[in-house]
PDB file of N, CA and C in Angstrom:
ATOM      1  N   MET A   1     -58.345   0.697   8.543  1.00  0.00           N
ATOM      2  CA  MET A   1     -56.877   1.207   7.889  1.00  0.00           C
ATOM      3  C   MET A   1     -56.046   1.418   8.736  1.00  0.00           C
ATOM      4  N   ASP A   2     -56.128   1.954   9.781  1.00  0.00           N
ATOM      5  CA  ASP A   2     -54.950   2.642  10.603  1.00  0.00           C
ATOM      6  C   ASP A   2     -53.592   1.176  10.477  1.00  0.00           C
ATOM      7  N   ILE A   3     -53.901   0.346  11.231  1.00  0.00           N
ATOM      8  CA  ILE A   3     -53.201  -0.653  11.378  1.00  0.00           C
ATOM      9  C   ILE A   3     -52.050  -0.882  10.157  1.00  0.00           C
ATOM     10  N   PHE A   4     -52.694  -1.047   8.885  1.00  0.00           N
ATOM     11  CA  PHE A   4     -51.959  -0.801   7.898  1.00  0.00           C
ATOM     12  C   PHE A   4     -51.265   0.279   6.946  1.00  0.00           C
ATOM     13  N   GLU A   5     -51.997   1.066   7.440  1.00  0.00           N
ATOM     14  CA  GLU A   5     -51.055   2.854   7.755  1.00  0.00           C
ATOM     15  C   GLU A   5     -49.671   2.345   8.387  1.00  0.00           C
ATOM     16  N   PHE A   6     -49.537   2.043   9.291  1.00  0.00           N
ATOM     17  CA  PHE A   6     -48.766   2.118  10.679  1.00  0.00           C
ATOM     18  C   PHE A   6     -47.508   0.837   9.951  1.00  0.00           C
ATOM     19  N   ILE A   7     -48.238  -0.405   9.728  1.00  0.00           N
ATOM     20  CA  ILE A   7     -47.406  -1.233   9.120  1.00  0.00           C
ATOM     21  C   ILE A   7     -46.470  -0.711   7.917  1.00  0.00           C
ATOM     22  N   LEU A   8     -47.648   0.061   6.974  1.00  0.00           N
ATOM     23  CA  LEU A   8     -46.916   0.160   5.234  1.00  0.00           C
ATOM     24  C   LEU A   8     -45.908   1.445   6.608  1.00  0.00           C
ATOM     25  N   ALA A   9     -46.060   2.189   6.802  1.00  0.00           N
ATOM     26  CA  ALA A   9     -44.792   3.808   7.302  1.00  0.00           C
ATOM     27  C   ALA A   9     -43.672   3.033   7.968  1.00  0.00           C
ATOM     28  N   LEU A  10     -43.873   1.753   9.163  1.00  0.00           N
ATOM     29  CA  LEU A  10     -42.755   1.225   9.799  1.00  0.00           C
ATOM     30  C   LEU A  10     -41.611   0.443   8.130  1.00  0.00           C
ATOM     31  N   VAL A  11     -42.585  -0.351   7.502  1.00  0.00           N
ATOM     32  CA  VAL A  11     -41.814  -0.662   6.756  1.00  0.00           C
ATOM     33  C   VAL A  11     -41.247   0.452   5.670  1.00  0.00           C
ATOM     34  N   SER A  12     -41.364   1.031   5.600  1.00  0.00           N
ATOM     35  CA  SER A  12     -40.427   1.736   4.480  1.00  0.00           C
ATOM     36  C   SER A  12     -39.438   2.570   4.957  1.00  0.00           C
ATOM     37  N   ILE A  13     -39.851   3.180   6.743  1.00  0.00           N
ATOM     38  CA  ILE A  13     -38.704   3.208   7.578  1.00  0.00           C
ATOM     39  C   ILE A  13     -37.397   2.325   7.280  1.00  0.00           C
ATOM     40  N   VAL A  14     -38.202   1.198   7.781  1.00  0.00           N
ATOM     41  CA  VAL A  14     -36.515  -0.240   7.814  1.00  0.00           C
ATOM     42  C   VAL A  14     -36.198  -0.454   6.844  1.00  0.00           C
ATOM     43  N   LEU A  15     -36.880   0.167   5.906  1.00  0.00           N
ATOM     44  CA  LEU A  15     -36.017  -0.330   4.595  1.00  0.00           C
ATOM     45  C   LEU A  15     -35.364   0.805   3.811  1.00  0.00           C
ATOM     46  N   GLY A  16     -35.899   2.082   4.621  1.00  0.00           N
ATOM     47  CA  GLY A  16     -35.316   2.599   3.888  1.00  0.00           C
ATOM     48  C   GLY A  16     -33.665   2.999   5.079  1.00  0.00           C
ATOM     49  N   CYS A  17     -33.612   2.552   6.193  1.00  0.00           N
ATOM     50  CA  CYS A  17     -32.726   2.802   7.098  1.00  0.00           C
ATOM     51  C   CYS A  17     -31.927   1.156   6.566  1.00  0.00           C
ATOM     52  N   VAL A  18     -32.116   0.194   6.120  1.00  0.00           N
ATOM     53  CA  VAL A  18     -31.187  -0.635   5.656  1.00  0.00           C
ATOM     54  C   VAL A  18     -30.322  -0.070   4.627  1.00  0.00           C
ATOM     55  N   THR A  19     -31.328   0.174   3.623  1.00  0.00           N
ATOM     56  CA  THR A  19     -30.991   0.334   2.290  1.00  0.00           C
ATOM     57  C   THR A  19     -29.658   1.370   2.211  1.00  0.00           C
ATOM     58  N   LEU A  20     -30.337   2.499   3.226  1.00  0.00           N
ATOM     59  CA  LEU A  20     -28.942   3.393   3.618  1.00  0.00           C
ATOM     60  C   LEU A  20     -27.800   3.237   4.493  1.00  0.00           C
ATOM     61  N   TRP A  21     -28.214   2.107   5.318  1.00  0.00           N
ATOM     62  CA  TRP A  21     -26.809   0.686   6.413  1.00  0.00           C
ATOM     63  C   TRP A  21     -26.191   0.800   4.855  1.00  0.00           C
ATOM     64  N   ILE A  22     -26.847  -0.179   3.634  1.00  0.00           N
ATOM     65  CA  ILE A  22     -25.742  -1.077   2.899  1.00  0.00           C
ATOM     66  C   ILE A  22     -25.141   0.106   2.083  1.00  0.00           C
ATOM     67  N   ILE A  23     -25.654   1.186   2.016  1.00  0.00           N
ATOM     68  CA  ILE A  23     -24.930   2.397   0.672  1.00  0.00           C
ATOM     69  C   ILE A  23     -23.649   2.761   1.598  1.00  0.00           C
ATOM     70  N   VAL A  24     -23.955   2.529   3.096  1.00  0.00           N
ATOM     71  CA  VAL A  24     -22.380   3.253   3.782  1.00  0.00           C
ATOM     72  C   VAL A  24     -21.230   2.153   3.808  1.00  0.00           C
ATOM     73  N   PHE A  25     -22.005   1.107   4.141  1.00  0.00           N
ATOM     74  CA  PHE A  25     -20.917   0.226   4.241  1.00  0.00           C
ATOM     75  C   PHE A  25     -20.332  -0.126   3.137  1.00  0.00           C
ATOM     76  N   TYR A  26     -20.798  -0.287   2.336  1.00  0.00           N
ATOM     77  CA  TYR A  26     -20.206  -0.428   0.733  1.00  0.00           C
ATOM     78  C   TYR A  26     -19.374   0.580   0.459  1.00  0.00           C
ATOM     79  N   SER A  27     -19.918   1.943   0.867  1.00  0.00           N
ATOM     80  CA  SER A  27     -18.782   3.108   0.258  1.00  0.00           C
ATOM     81  C   SER A  27     -17.536   3.281   0.998  1.00  0.00           C
ATOM     82  N   ARG A  28     -17.841   3.143   2.606  1.00  0.00           N
ATOM     83  CA  ARG A  28     -16.841   3.230   3.787  1.00  0.00           C
ATOM     84  C   ARG A  28     -15.681   1.929   3.222  1.00  0.00           C
ATOM     85  N   ARG A  29     -16.386   0.854   3.059  1.00  0.00           N
ATOM     86  CA  ARG A  29     -15.510  -0.616   2.659  1.00  0.00           C
ATOM     87  C   ARG A  29     -14.605   0.109   1.206  1.00  0.00           C
ATOM     88  N   GLU A  30     -14.556   0.764   0.588  1.00  0.00           N
ATOM     89  CA  GLU A  30     -13.889   0.908  -0.907  1.00  0.00           C
ATOM     90  C   GLU A  30     -12.731   1.729   0.265  1.00  0.00           C
ATOM     91  N   LYS A  31     -13.102   2.761   0.934  1.00  0.00           N
ATOM     92  CA  LYS A  31     -12.056   4.357   1.293  1.00  0.00           C
ATOM     93  C   LYS A  31     -11.126   3.429   1.609  1.00  0.00           C
ATOM     94  N   ARG A  32     -10.965   2.206   2.834  1.00  0.00           N
ATOM     95  CA  ARG A  32      -9.916   1.110   3.795  1.00  0.00           C
ATOM     96  C   ARG A  32      -8.843   0.986   3.114  1.00  0.00           C
ATOM     97  N   PRO A  33      -7.913   1.246   3.349  1.00  0.00           N
ATOM     98  CA  PRO A  33      -6.754   0.945   2.788  1.00  0.00           C
ATOM     99  C   PRO A  33      -6.566  -0.681   2.885  1.00  0.00           C
ATOM    100  N   ARG A  34      -6.375  -1.188   1.806  1.00  0.00           N
ATOM    101  CA  ARG A  34      -6.148  -2.749   2.079  1.00  0.00           C
ATOM    102  C   ARG A  34      -5.053  -3.421   1.784  1.00  0.00           C
ATOM    103  N   MET A  35      -4.907  -4.290   2.703  1.00  0.00           N
ATOM    104  CA  MET A  35      -3.706  -5.006   2.149  1.00  0.00           C
ATOM    105  C   MET A  35      -2.736  -5.528   1.398  1.00  0.00           C
ATOM    106  N   PRO A  36      -1.797  -5.724   1.352  1.00  0.00           N
ATOM    107  CA  PRO A  36      -1.208  -6.146  -0.150  1.00  0.00           C
ATOM    108  C   PRO A  36      -1.240  -7.449  -0.259  1.00  0.00           C
ATOM    109  N   ASP A  37      -1.747  -8.231  -0.636  1.00  0.00           N
ATOM    110  CA  ASP A  37      -2.279  -9.445  -1.006  1.00  0.00           C
ATOM    111  C   ASP A  37      -0.479 -10.400  -0.880  1.00  0.00           C
ATOM    112  N   PRO A  38      -0.440 -11.425  -0.426  1.00  0.00           N
ATOM    113  CA  PRO A  38       0.675 -12.163  -0.029  1.00  0.00           C
ATOM    114  C   PRO A  38       1.245 -12.753  -1.738  1.00  0.00           C
ATOM    115  N   ASN A  39       0.014 -12.641  -2.606  1.00  0.00           N
ATOM    116  CA  ASN A  39       0.485 -13.331  -3.530  1.00  0.00           C
ATOM    117  C   ASN A  39       1.297 -12.056  -5.295  1.00  0.00           C
ATOM    118  N   THR A  40       1.250 -10.815  -4.294  1.00  0.00           N
ATOM    119  CA  THR A  40       1.076  -9.647  -5.071  1.00  0.00           C
ATOM    120  C   THR A  40       3.032  -9.755  -5.673  1.00  0.00           C
ATOM    121  N   LYS A  41       2.942  -9.167  -6.743  1.00  0.00           N
ATOM    122  CA  LYS A  41       5.103  -9.638  -7.257  1.00  0.00           C
ATOM    123  C   LYS A  41       5.395  -8.058  -7.079  1.00  0.00           C
ATOM    124  N   TYR A  42       6.479  -8.325  -6.161  1.00  0.00           N
ATOM    125  CA  TYR A  42       6.790  -6.317  -6.327  1.00  0.00           C
ATOM    126  C   TYR A  42       8.141  -6.145  -7.082  1.00  0.00           C
ATOM    127  N   SER A  43       8.422  -5.199  -7.666  1.00  0.00           N
ATOM    128  CA  SER A  43       9.491  -4.556  -8.403  1.00  0.00           C
ATOM    129  C   SER A  43      10.883  -4.845  -7.379  1.00  0.00           C
ATOM    130  N   LEU A  44      12.029  -4.850  -7.619  1.00  0.00           N
ATOM    131  CA  LEU A  44      13.041  -4.589  -7.425  1.00  0.00           C
ATOM    132  C   LEU A  44      13.168  -3.315  -7.106  1.00  0.00           C
ATOM    133  N   ASN A  45      12.747  -2.012  -7.266  1.00  0.00           N
ATOM    134  CA  ASN A  45      12.599  -0.887  -6.708  1.00  0.00           C
ATOM    135  C   ASN A  45      12.042  -0.753  -5.275  1.00  0.00           C
ATOM    136  N   GLN A  46      10.709  -1.370  -5.889  1.00  0.00           N
ATOM    137  CA  GLN A  46       9.670  -1.423  -4.136  1.00  0.00           C
ATOM    138  C   GLN A  46      10.357  -2.026  -3.593  1.00  0.00           C
ATOM    139  N   LEU A  47      10.905  -3.394  -3.428  1.00  0.00           N
ATOM    140  CA  LEU A  47      11.529  -4.203  -2.845  1.00  0.00           C
ATOM    141  C   LEU A  47      12.812  -3.428  -1.611  1.00  0.00           C
ATOM    142  N   SER A  48      13.891  -2.637  -2.993  1.00  0.00           N
ATOM    143  CA  SER A  48      14.801  -1.795  -2.287  1.00  0.00           C
ATOM    144  C   SER A  48      14.132  -0.638  -1.206  1.00  0.00           C
ATOM    145  N   SER A  49      13.404   0.023  -1.370  1.00  0.00           N
ATOM    146  CA  SER A  49      12.535   1.305  -0.619  1.00  0.00           C
ATOM    147  C   SER A  49      12.088   0.656   0.250  1.00  0.00           C
ATOM    148  N   MET A  50      11.148  -0.586   0.277  1.00  0.00           N
ATOM    149  CA  MET A  50      10.883  -0.759   1.701  1.00  0.00           C
ATOM    150  C   MET A  50      12.505  -1.317   2.390  1.00  0.00           C
ATOM    151  N   ALA A  51      13.229  -1.659   1.652  1.00  0.00           N
ATOM    152  CA  ALA A  51      14.491  -2.554   3.011  1.00  0.00           C
ATOM    153  C   ALA A  51      14.710  -1.210   3.122  1.00  0.00           C
ATOM    154  N   GLU A  52      15.544   0.048   2.687  1.00  0.00           N
ATOM    155  CA  GLU A  52      15.862   1.193   3.036  1.00  0.00           C
ATOM    156  C   GLU A  52      14.638   1.842   4.438  1.00  0.00           C
ATOM    157  N   SER A  53      13.347   1.936   4.136  1.00  0.00           N
ATOM    158  CA  SER A  53      13.086   2.573   5.431  1.00  0.00           C
ATOM    159  C   SER A  53      12.953   1.450   6.268  1.00  0.00           C
ATOM    160  N   LEU A  54      12.835   0.239   6.045  1.00  0.00           N
ATOM    161  CA  LEU A  54      13.068  -0.991   7.092  1.00  0.00           C
ATOM    162  C   LEU A  54      14.115  -0.396   8.099  1.00  0.00           C
ATOM    163  N   GLN A  55      15.190  -0.176   7.418  1.00  0.00           N
ATOM    164  CA  GLN A  55      16.517   0.212   7.793  1.00  0.00           C
ATOM    165  C   GLN A  55      16.515   1.421   9.003  1.00  0.00           C
ATOM    166  N   ASP A  56      16.219   2.048   8.293  1.00  0.00           N
ATOM    167  CA  ASP A  56      15.815   3.478   8.559  1.00  0.00           C
ATOM    168  C   ASP A  56      15.192   3.458  10.269  1.00  0.00           C
ATOM    169  N   ARG A  57      13.906   2.254  10.036  1.00  0.00           N
ATOM    170  CA  ARG A  57      13.581   2.598  11.473  1.00  0.00           C
ATOM    171  C   ARG A  57      14.557   1.772  12.132  1.00  0.00           C
ATOM    172  N   ILE A  58      14.976   0.508  11.997  1.00  0.00           N
ATOM    173  CA  ILE A  58      15.779   0.442  13.027  1.00  0.00           C
ATOM    174  C   ILE A  58      16.569   1.262  13.663  1.00  0.00           C
ATOM    175  N   VAL A  59      17.761   1.524  12.882  1.00  0.00           N
ATOM    176  CA  VAL A  59      18.772   2.851  13.334  1.00  0.00           C
ATOM    177  C   VAL A  59      18.172   3.615  13.990  1.00  0.00           C
ATOM    178  N   THR A  60      16.601   4.468  13.672  1.00  0.00           N
ATOM    179  CA  THR A  60      16.003   5.377  14.937  1.00  0.00           C
ATOM    180  C   THR A  60      16.050   4.464  16.291  1.00  0.00           C
ATOM    181  N   LEU A  61      15.445   2.916  15.908  1.00  0.00           N
ATOM    182  CA  LEU A  61      14.657   2.425  16.868  1.00  0.00           C
ATOM    183  C   LEU A  61      16.278   2.286  17.871  1.00  0.00           C
ATOM    184  N   GLU A  62      17.387   1.704  17.293  1.00  0.00           N
ATOM    185  CA  GLU A  62      18.877   1.545  17.574  1.00  0.00           C
ATOM    186  C   GLU A  62      18.876   2.771  18.556  1.00  0.00           C
ATOM    187  N   SER A  63      18.559   3.893  18.125  1.00  0.00           N
ATOM    188  CA  SER A  63      19.091   5.180  18.692  1.00  0.00           C
ATOM    189  C   SER A  63      18.578   5.949  19.583  1.00  0.00           C
ATOM    190  N   ILE A  64      17.494   5.148  19.915  1.00  0.00           N
ATOM    191  CA  ILE A  64      16.547   5.518  20.849  1.00  0.00           C
ATOM    192  C   ILE A  64      16.693   4.555  22.106  1.00  0.00           C
ATOM    193  N   LEU A  65      17.015   3.210  22.098  1.00  0.00           N
ATOM    194  CA  LEU A  65      17.814   2.257  22.917  1.00  0.00           C
ATOM    195  C   LEU A  65      19.124   2.884  23.655  1.00  0.00           C
ATOM    196  N   ASP A  66      19.559   3.416  22.541  1.00  0.00           N
ATOM    197  CA  ASP A  66      21.211   3.812  23.026  1.00  0.00           C
ATOM    198  C   ASP A  66      21.001   5.159  24.248  1.00  0.00           C
ATOM    199  N   ALA A  67      19.881   5.945  23.709  1.00  0.00           N
ATOM    200  CA  ALA A  67      19.904   6.745  24.705  1.00  0.00           C
ATOM    201  C   ALA A  67      18.736   6.306  25.696  1.00  0.00           C
ATOM    202  N   GLU A  68      18.728   5.097  25.982  1.00  0.00           N
ATOM    203  CA  GLU A  68      17.278   5.020  27.049  1.00  0.00           C
ATOM    204  C   GLU A  68      18.005   3.843  28.050  1.00  0.00           C
ATOM    205  N   VAL A  69      18.719   3.328  27.413  1.00  0.00           N
ATOM    206  CA  VAL A  69      19.444   2.064  27.752  1.00  0.00           C
ATOM    207  C   VAL A  69      20.588   1.716  27.225  1.00  0.00           C
ATOM    208  N   PRO A  70      21.765   2.644  27.906  1.00  0.00           N
ATOM    209  CA  PRO A  70      22.962   2.693  27.297  1.00  0.00           C
ATOM    210  C   PRO A  70      23.541   1.263  26.768  1.00  0.00           C
ATOM    211  N   ASP A  71      23.556  -0.082  27.500  1.00  0.00           N
ATOM    212  CA  ASP A  71      24.583  -0.468  27.717  1.00  0.00           C
ATOM    213  C   ASP A  71      23.395  -2.085  27.060  1.00  0.00           C
ATOM    214  N   TRP A  72      22.222  -1.401  26.409  1.00  0.00           N
ATOM    215  CA  TRP A  72      21.651  -3.122  25.743  1.00  0.00           C
ATOM    216  C   TRP A  72      22.315  -3.943  24.851  1.00  0.00           C
ATOM    217  N   ARG A  73      22.896  -3.555  24.535  1.00  0.00           N
ATOM    218  CA  ARG A  73      23.997  -4.485  22.717  1.00  0.00           C
ATOM    219  C   ARG A  73      24.382  -5.527  23.881  1.00  0.00           C
ATOM    220  N   GLU A  74      24.935  -4.988  24.869  1.00  0.00           N
ATOM    221  CA  GLU A  74      25.952  -6.024  25.733  1.00  0.00           C
ATOM    222  C   GLU A  74      24.876  -6.851  26.398  1.00  0.00           C
ATOM    223  N   GLN A  75      24.050  -6.496  27.133  1.00  0.00           N
ATOM    224  CA  GLN A  75      22.899  -6.927  27.655  1.00  0.00           C
ATOM    225  C   GLN A  75      21.891  -8.877  26.096  1.00  0.00           C
ATOM    226  N   ASN A  76      22.074  -7.788  25.306  1.00  0.00           N
ATOM    227  CA  ASN A  76      21.729  -8.753  24.337  1.00  0.00           C
ATOM    228  C   ASN A  76      22.583  -9.854  23.931  1.00  0.00           C
ATOM    229  N   GLU A  77      23.816  -9.520  24.093  1.00  0.00           N
ATOM    230  CA  GLU A  77      24.556 -10.465  23.833  1.00  0.00           C
ATOM    231  C   GLU A  77      24.930 -11.833  24.602  1.00  0.00           C
ATOM    232  N   GLN A  78      24.447 -11.420  25.853  1.00  0.00           N
ATOM    233  CA  GLN A  78      24.687 -12.324  27.213  1.00  0.00           C
ATOM    234  C   GLN A  78      23.412 -12.758  27.088  1.00  0.00           C
ATOM    235  N   ALA A  79      22.472 -12.077  26.804  1.00  0.00           N
ATOM    236  CA  ALA A  79      20.967 -13.116  26.729  1.00  0.00           C
ATOM    237  C   ALA A  79      21.187 -14.212  25.815  1.00  0.00           C
ATOM    238  N   THR A  80      21.817 -13.988  24.410  1.00  0.00           N
ATOM    239  CA  THR A  80      21.340 -15.150  23.420  1.00  0.00           C
ATOM    240  C   THR A  80      22.854 -15.412  23.362  1.00  0.00           C
ATOM    241  N   GLY A  81      23.886 -15.337  24.474  1.00  0.00           N
ATOM    242  CA  GLY A  81      24.723 -16.766  24.713  1.00  0.00           C
ATOM    243  C   GLY A  81      26.068 -16.265  23.699  1.00  0.00           C
ATOM    244  N   ASN A  82      26.033 -15.351  22.669  1.00  0.00           N
ATOM    245  CA  ASN A  82      26.966 -14.722  21.992  1.00  0.00           C
ATOM    246  C   ASN A  82      27.072 -15.668  20.871  1.00  0.00           C
ATOM    247  N   THR A  83      26.128 -16.256  20.864  1.00  0.00           N
ATOM    248  CA  THR A  83      26.189 -17.454  19.862  1.00  0.00           C
ATOM    249  C   THR A  83      26.340 -17.470  18.265  1.00  0.00           C
ATOM    250  N   SER A  84      25.914 -16.452  18.113  1.00  0.00           N
ATOM    251  CA  SER A  84      26.240 -15.465  16.682  1.00  0.00           C
ATOM    252  C   SER A  84      27.889 -15.337  16.130  1.00  0.00           C
ATOM    253  N   ASN A  85      28.658 -15.383  17.457  1.00  0.00           N
ATOM    254  CA  ASN A  85      30.233 -15.019  16.835  1.00  0.00           C
ATOM    255  C   ASN A  85      30.923 -16.382  17.405  1.00  0.00           C
ATOM    256  N   GLN A  86      29.981 -17.604  17.701  1.00  0.00           N
ATOM    257  CA  GLN A  86      30.887 -18.619  18.238  1.00  0.00           C
ATOM    258  C   GLN A  86      31.000 -19.743  16.967  1.00  0.00           C
ATOM    259  N   SER A  87      30.587 -19.070  15.646  1.00  0.00           N
ATOM    260  CA  SER A  87      31.060 -20.244  14.419  1.00  0.00           C
ATOM    261  C   SER A  87      31.783 -19.716  13.888  1.00  0.00           C
TER     262      SER A  87
END
């Protein structure tokens, strides 16, 4: 009977751990932020807000670049061959 009790205890511990792991896994899965579905329809207000946020980020990045590399705009124009102004 000793081996039977040992196997029974081992199985119950393993099943308890597996059950706990499943519960923790699925509870954390629900709390994770989800990526928006590519098929999600956004309202014009949401899109406008996103565009304003991105524009603010661009302005911030450009100001950082202006402070760190003062002539970055000229370097970029030379590297692209000034194609945007030729048409």
